[in-house]
Amino acid sequence: MTTANLAPITALFDAEDKARTIASEMLPLIAATLRVQYPTGVHLVLYRDSDGELSYDSVRDAQGETVFQFPQRWWDMGRFPQPVPAEIAALWPDHDPSDPGTVLSMIRHVDQHGVLDFLADEATRPEEEYLDKTPVGIPLVCECGAPDGVCAPCCGIEPCGPNVCSACTLWRSR
């Protein structure tokens, strides 16, 4: 018997690790896309339904106050309220980042790799502390750590657009 055409088990583990890393790297793109839509938002809140599938709940500020409540039938809302800048839209080739369904589909795809986390404590409401109501959250703040309102979404394309703070430029060059 020859093993020439057989892959070692470690190849699968390596591929899964790589997919998880790439899925984690998609979170800043999702965050930047939604931060354009809800500039005062700091947390995107999602809930799992009884089948474990994620759905939109709300966008909350740093204190956990609702900035935007998604309708129960979020697909009826049409497009997100703000146009997505071309430099961010370019990072969604063949996908429409102004369509809530497209963005949620990407979030669900990323979720398959186990990189989403529970909503930050400061944005969680007392009634959400029960295990079956614990929401998932995606931080909408810039990874550069700039204070709210200072950093605009970064396109990640060089040279970076005019709306990016110097802290973001410093973060990317580290």
C-alpha atoms as a PDB file:
ATOM      1  CA  MET A   1       0.000   0.000   0.000  1.00  0.00           C
ATOM      2  CA  THR A   2       1.216   3.482  -0.861  1.00  0.00           C
ATOM      3  CA  THR A   3       0.503   6.604   1.154  1.00  0.00           C
ATOM      4  CA  ALA A   4       1.577   9.007  -1.581  1.00  0.00           C
ATOM      5  CA  ASN A   5      -1.988  10.243  -2.226  1.00  0.00           C
ATOM      6  CA  LEU A   6      -3.009  10.447   1.431  1.00  0.00           C
ATOM      7  CA  ALA A   7      -3.010  13.704   3.370  1.00  0.00           C
ATOM      8  CA  PRO A   8      -1.918  13.649   6.993  1.00  0.00           C
ATOM      9  CA  ILE A   9      -4.483  14.598   9.622  1.00  0.00           C
ATOM     10  CA  THR A  10      -2.412  17.664  10.449  1.00  0.00           C
ATOM     11  CA  ALA A  11      -3.218  19.082   6.993  1.00  0.00           C
ATOM     12  CA  LEU A  12      -6.875  19.350   8.016  1.00  0.00           C
ATOM     13  CA  PHE A  13      -6.008  20.998  11.335  1.00  0.00           C
ATOM     14  CA  ASP A  14      -3.688  23.440   9.561  1.00  0.00           C
ATOM     15  CA  ALA A  15      -6.406  24.326   7.037  1.00  0.00           C
ATOM     16  CA  GLU A  16      -8.944  24.874   9.827  1.00  0.00           C
ATOM     17  CA  ASP A  17      -6.507  27.108  11.720  1.00  0.00           C
ATOM     18  CA  LYS A  18      -5.878  29.134   8.568  1.00  0.00           C
ATOM     19  CA  ALA A  19      -9.631  29.464   7.888  1.00  0.00           C
ATOM     20  CA  ARG A  20     -10.224  30.593  11.496  1.00  0.00           C
ATOM     21  CA  THR A  21      -7.471  33.211  11.180  1.00  0.00           C
ATOM     22  CA  ILE A  22      -8.896  34.555   7.921  1.00  0.00           C
ATOM     23  CA  ALA A  23     -12.420  34.579   9.379  1.00  0.00           C
ATOM     24  CA  SER A  24     -11.094  36.666  12.306  1.00  0.00           C
ATOM     25  CA  GLU A  25      -9.547  39.055   9.803  1.00  0.00           C
ATOM     26  CA  MET A  26     -12.982  39.583   8.205  1.00  0.00           C
ATOM     27  CA  LEU A  27     -14.418  41.064  11.407  1.00  0.00           C
ATOM     28  CA  PRO A  28     -12.765  44.493  10.925  1.00  0.00           C
ATOM     29  CA  LEU A  29     -14.234  44.689   7.391  1.00  0.00           C
ATOM     30  CA  ILE A  30     -17.706  43.875   8.721  1.00  0.00           C
ATOM     31  CA  ALA A  31     -17.206  46.385  11.537  1.00  0.00           C
ATOM     32  CA  ALA A  32     -16.045  49.135   9.157  1.00  0.00           C
ATOM     33  CA  THR A  33     -19.018  48.492   6.873  1.00  0.00           C
ATOM     34  CA  LEU A  34     -21.504  48.777   9.725  1.00  0.00           C
ATOM     35  CA  ARG A  35     -19.730  51.708  11.386  1.00  0.00           C
ATOM     36  CA  VAL A  36     -20.412  53.690   8.210  1.00  0.00           C
ATOM     37  CA  GLN A  37     -24.104  52.856   8.596  1.00  0.00           C
ATOM     38  CA  TYR A  38     -24.323  53.679  12.307  1.00  0.00           C
ATOM     39  CA  PRO A  39     -21.440  56.070  13.121  1.00  0.00           C
ATOM     40  CA  THR A  40     -22.331  56.339  16.818  1.00  0.00           C
ATOM     41  CA  GLY A  41     -22.600  52.565  17.174  1.00  0.00           C
ATOM     42  CA  VAL A  42     -19.957  50.648  19.092  1.00  0.00           C
ATOM     43  CA  HIS A  43     -21.532  47.162  19.199  1.00  0.00           C
ATOM     44  CA  LEU A  44     -23.476  45.166  16.632  1.00  0.00           C
ATOM     45  CA  VAL A  45     -25.755  42.845  18.597  1.00  0.00           C
ATOM     46  CA  LEU A  46     -26.911  39.535  17.146  1.00  0.00           C
ATOM     47  CA  TYR A  47     -28.977  36.690  18.587  1.00  0.00           C
ATOM     48  CA  ARG A  48     -29.071  33.019  17.742  1.00  0.00           C
ATOM     49  CA  ASP A  49     -32.453  31.535  16.912  1.00  0.00           C
ATOM     50  CA  SER A  50     -33.565  28.090  18.051  1.00  0.00           C
ATOM     51  CA  ASP A  51     -31.610  26.579  15.148  1.00  0.00           C
ATOM     52  CA  GLY A  52     -28.431  28.408  16.189  1.00  0.00           C
ATOM     53  CA  GLU A  53     -28.537  30.798  13.219  1.00  0.00           C
ATOM     54  CA  LEU A  54     -27.583  34.422  13.856  1.00  0.00           C
ATOM     55  CA  SER A  55     -29.997  37.292  13.281  1.00  0.00           C
ATOM     56  CA  TYR A  56     -29.730  41.040  13.738  1.00  0.00           C
ATOM     57  CA  ASP A  57     -30.912  42.611  16.978  1.00  0.00           C
ATOM     58  CA  SER A  58     -29.514  46.127  17.359  1.00  0.00           C
ATOM     59  CA  VAL A  59     -26.587  48.510  17.220  1.00  0.00           C
ATOM     60  CA  ARG A  60     -25.616  49.908  20.620  1.00  0.00           C
ATOM     61  CA  ASP A  61     -23.356  52.669  21.827  1.00  0.00           C
ATOM     62  CA  ALA A  62     -20.526  52.325  24.352  1.00  0.00           C
ATOM     63  CA  GLN A  63     -22.991  52.473  27.272  1.00  0.00           C
ATOM     64  CA  GLY A  64     -25.258  49.803  25.785  1.00  0.00           C
ATOM     65  CA  GLU A  65     -27.974  52.220  24.692  1.00  0.00           C
ATOM     66  CA  THR A  66     -29.723  51.367  21.443  1.00  0.00           C
ATOM     67  CA  VAL A  67     -28.577  53.413  18.464  1.00  0.00           C
ATOM     68  CA  PHE A  68     -30.634  51.379  16.005  1.00  0.00           C
ATOM     69  CA  GLN A  69     -33.093  48.555  16.580  1.00  0.00           C
ATOM     70  CA  PHE A  70     -33.363  46.196  13.614  1.00  0.00           C
ATOM     71  CA  PRO A  71     -36.952  45.351  12.725  1.00  0.00           C
ATOM     72  CA  GLN A  72     -38.093  41.798  13.490  1.00  0.00           C
ATOM     73  CA  ARG A  73     -38.277  41.276   9.729  1.00  0.00           C
ATOM     74  CA  TRP A  74     -34.941  42.992   9.011  1.00  0.00           C
ATOM     75  CA  TRP A  75     -35.098  41.937   5.348  1.00  0.00           C
ATOM     76  CA  ASP A  76     -37.980  44.396   4.891  1.00  0.00           C
ATOM     77  CA  MET A  77     -35.725  47.348   5.768  1.00  0.00           C
ATOM     78  CA  GLY A  78     -34.178  47.372   2.299  1.00  0.00           C
ATOM     79  CA  ARG A  79     -30.669  48.749   2.191  1.00  0.00           C
ATOM     80  CA  PHE A  80     -28.573  50.155   5.012  1.00  0.00           C
ATOM     81  CA  PRO A  81     -29.164  53.912   5.511  1.00  0.00           C
ATOM     82  CA  GLN A  82     -25.782  55.238   4.311  1.00  0.00           C
ATOM     83  CA  PRO A  83     -23.897  54.601   1.081  1.00  0.00           C
ATOM     84  CA  VAL A  84     -20.828  52.430   1.555  1.00  0.00           C
ATOM     85  CA  PRO A  85     -17.655  54.266   0.515  1.00  0.00           C
ATOM     86  CA  ALA A  86     -16.100  52.917  -2.670  1.00  0.00           C
ATOM     87  CA  GLU A  87     -12.902  51.864  -0.893  1.00  0.00           C
ATOM     88  CA  ILE A  88     -14.874  49.655   1.510  1.00  0.00           C
ATOM     89  CA  ALA A  89     -17.218  48.384  -1.208  1.00  0.00           C
ATOM     90  CA  ALA A  90     -14.158  47.338  -3.237  1.00  0.00           C
ATOM     91  CA  LEU A  91     -13.322  44.875  -0.459  1.00  0.00           C
ATOM     92  CA  TRP A  92     -16.687  43.159  -1.035  1.00  0.00           C
ATOM     93  CA  PRO A  93     -16.209  42.141  -4.707  1.00  0.00           C
ATOM     94  CA  ASP A  94     -19.314  40.533  -6.186  1.00  0.00           C
ATOM     95  CA  HIS A  95     -21.203  41.252  -2.943  1.00  0.00           C
ATOM     96  CA  ASP A  96     -23.325  44.250  -1.935  1.00  0.00           C
ATOM     97  CA  PRO A  97     -22.200  45.650   1.451  1.00  0.00           C
ATOM     98  CA  SER A  98     -25.198  47.994   1.563  1.00  0.00           C
ATOM     99  CA  ASP A  99     -27.540  44.997   1.655  1.00  0.00           C
ATOM    100  CA  PRO A 100     -28.215  43.784   5.221  1.00  0.00           C
ATOM    101  CA  GLY A 101     -28.739  40.237   3.915  1.00  0.00           C
ATOM    102  CA  THR A 102     -25.309  40.162   2.295  1.00  0.00           C
ATOM    103  CA  VAL A 103     -23.616  41.428   5.457  1.00  0.00           C
ATOM    104  CA  LEU A 104     -25.513  38.968   7.661  1.00  0.00           C
ATOM    105  CA  SER A 105     -24.618  36.151   5.290  1.00  0.00           C
ATOM    106  CA  MET A 106     -20.926  37.059   5.698  1.00  0.00           C
ATOM    107  CA  ILE A 107     -21.336  37.236   9.486  1.00  0.00           C
ATOM    108  CA  ARG A 108     -22.913  33.781   9.460  1.00  0.00           C
ATOM    109  CA  HIS A 109     -20.099  32.493   7.275  1.00  0.00           C
ATOM    110  CA  VAL A 110     -17.502  33.910   9.672  1.00  0.00           C
ATOM    111  CA  ASP A 111     -19.446  32.444  12.606  1.00  0.00           C
ATOM    112  CA  GLN A 112     -18.901  28.938  11.218  1.00  0.00           C
ATOM    113  CA  HIS A 113     -15.241  29.300  12.199  1.00  0.00           C
ATOM    114  CA  GLY A 114     -15.939  30.059  15.858  1.00  0.00           C
ATOM    115  CA  VAL A 115     -14.458  33.550  15.962  1.00  0.00           C
ATOM    116  CA  LEU A 116     -17.478  35.539  17.175  1.00  0.00           C
ATOM    117  CA  ASP A 117     -17.695  36.338  20.853  1.00  0.00           C
ATOM    118  CA  PHE A 118     -20.386  37.229  23.347  1.00  0.00           C
ATOM    119  CA  LEU A 119     -21.459  40.847  23.560  1.00  0.00           C
ATOM    120  CA  ALA A 120     -19.181  42.957  25.750  1.00  0.00           C
ATOM    121  CA  ASP A 121     -20.352  43.231  29.355  1.00  0.00           C
ATOM    122  CA  GLU A 122     -20.799  47.013  29.208  1.00  0.00           C
ATOM    123  CA  ALA A 123     -23.317  46.666  26.373  1.00  0.00           C
ATOM    124  CA  THR A 124     -25.186  43.650  27.785  1.00  0.00           C
ATOM    125  CA  ARG A 125     -28.528  44.300  29.433  1.00  0.00           C
ATOM    126  CA  PRO A 126     -29.569  42.512  32.644  1.00  0.00           C
ATOM    127  CA  GLU A 127     -32.249  40.458  30.874  1.00  0.00           C
ATOM    128  CA  GLU A 128     -29.615  39.202  28.424  1.00  0.00           C
ATOM    129  CA  GLU A 129     -27.447  37.589  31.068  1.00  0.00           C
ATOM    130  CA  TYR A 130     -29.400  34.347  30.901  1.00  0.00           C
ATOM    131  CA  LEU A 131     -27.623  31.686  28.898  1.00  0.00           C
ATOM    132  CA  ASP A 132     -30.427  31.295  26.355  1.00  0.00           C
ATOM    133  CA  LYS A 133     -30.588  35.058  25.740  1.00  0.00           C
ATOM    134  CA  THR A 134     -26.859  35.848  25.669  1.00  0.00           C
ATOM    135  CA  PRO A 135     -26.248  37.905  22.545  1.00  0.00           C
ATOM    136  CA  VAL A 136     -23.243  37.775  20.247  1.00  0.00           C
ATOM    137  CA  GLY A 137     -21.487  41.069  19.590  1.00  0.00           C
ATOM    138  CA  ILE A 138     -19.176  42.500  16.983  1.00  0.00           C
ATOM    139  CA  PRO A 139     -17.255  45.600  18.102  1.00  0.00           C
ATOM    140  CA  LEU A 140     -17.691  48.421  15.603  1.00  0.00           C
ATOM    141  CA  VAL A 141     -14.748  50.453  16.859  1.00  0.00           C
ATOM    142  CA  CYS A 142     -11.569  50.862  14.897  1.00  0.00           C
ATOM    143  CA  GLU A 143      -8.856  48.390  15.846  1.00  0.00           C
ATOM    144  CA  CYS A 144      -6.371  51.244  16.101  1.00  0.00           C
ATOM    145  CA  GLY A 145      -7.893  52.077  19.473  1.00  0.00           C
ATOM    146  CA  ALA A 146      -8.658  55.690  18.583  1.00  0.00           C
ATOM    147  CA  PRO A 147     -11.403  57.249  20.732  1.00  0.00           C
ATOM    148  CA  ASP A 148     -14.964  57.168  19.408  1.00  0.00           C
ATOM    149  CA  GLY A 149     -15.567  59.802  16.803  1.00  0.00           C
ATOM    150  CA  VAL A 150     -11.881  60.222  15.984  1.00  0.00           C
ATOM    151  CA  CYS A 151     -11.284  57.319  13.640  1.00  0.00           C
ATOM    152  CA  ALA A 152     -13.252  56.809  10.478  1.00  0.00           C
ATOM    153  CA  PRO A 153     -13.427  53.349   8.885  1.00  0.00           C
ATOM    154  CA  CYS A 154     -10.171  52.420   7.207  1.00  0.00           C
ATOM    155  CA  CYS A 155     -10.303  51.047   3.715  1.00  0.00           C
ATOM    156  CA  GLY A 156      -7.042  49.119   4.077  1.00  0.00           C
ATOM    157  CA  ILE A 157      -5.961  50.198   0.603  1.00  0.00           C
ATOM    158  CA  GLU A 158      -2.772  52.204   0.197  1.00  0.00           C
ATOM    159  CA  PRO A 159      -2.619  55.146   0.140  1.00  0.00           C
ATOM    160  CA  CYS A 160      -5.374  55.252   2.696  1.00  0.00           C
ATOM    161  CA  GLY A 161      -8.349  57.529   2.223  1.00  0.00           C
ATOM    162  CA  PRO A 162      -8.609  61.023   3.735  1.00  0.00           C
ATOM    163  CA  ASN A 163     -11.029  59.992   6.508  1.00  0.00           C
ATOM    164  CA  VAL A 164      -8.605  57.793   8.421  1.00  0.00           C
ATOM    165  CA  CYS A 165      -7.062  59.065  11.618  1.00  0.00           C
ATOM    166  CA  SER A 166      -3.317  59.058  12.151  1.00  0.00           C
ATOM    167  CA  ALA A 167      -3.738  56.432  14.891  1.00  0.00           C
ATOM    168  CA  CYS A 168      -5.179  54.028  12.318  1.00  0.00           C
ATOM    169  CA  THR A 169      -2.249  54.679  10.006  1.00  0.00           C
ATOM    170  CA  LEU A 170       0.103  54.022  12.916  1.00  0.00           C
ATOM    171  CA  TRP A 171      -1.753  50.836  13.825  1.00  0.00           C
ATOM    172  CA  ARG A 172      -1.472  49.488  10.278  1.00  0.00           C
ATOM    173  CA  SER A 173       2.254  50.235  10.112  1.00  0.00           C
ATOM    174  CA  ARG A 174       3.079  48.375  13.357  1.00  0.00           C
END
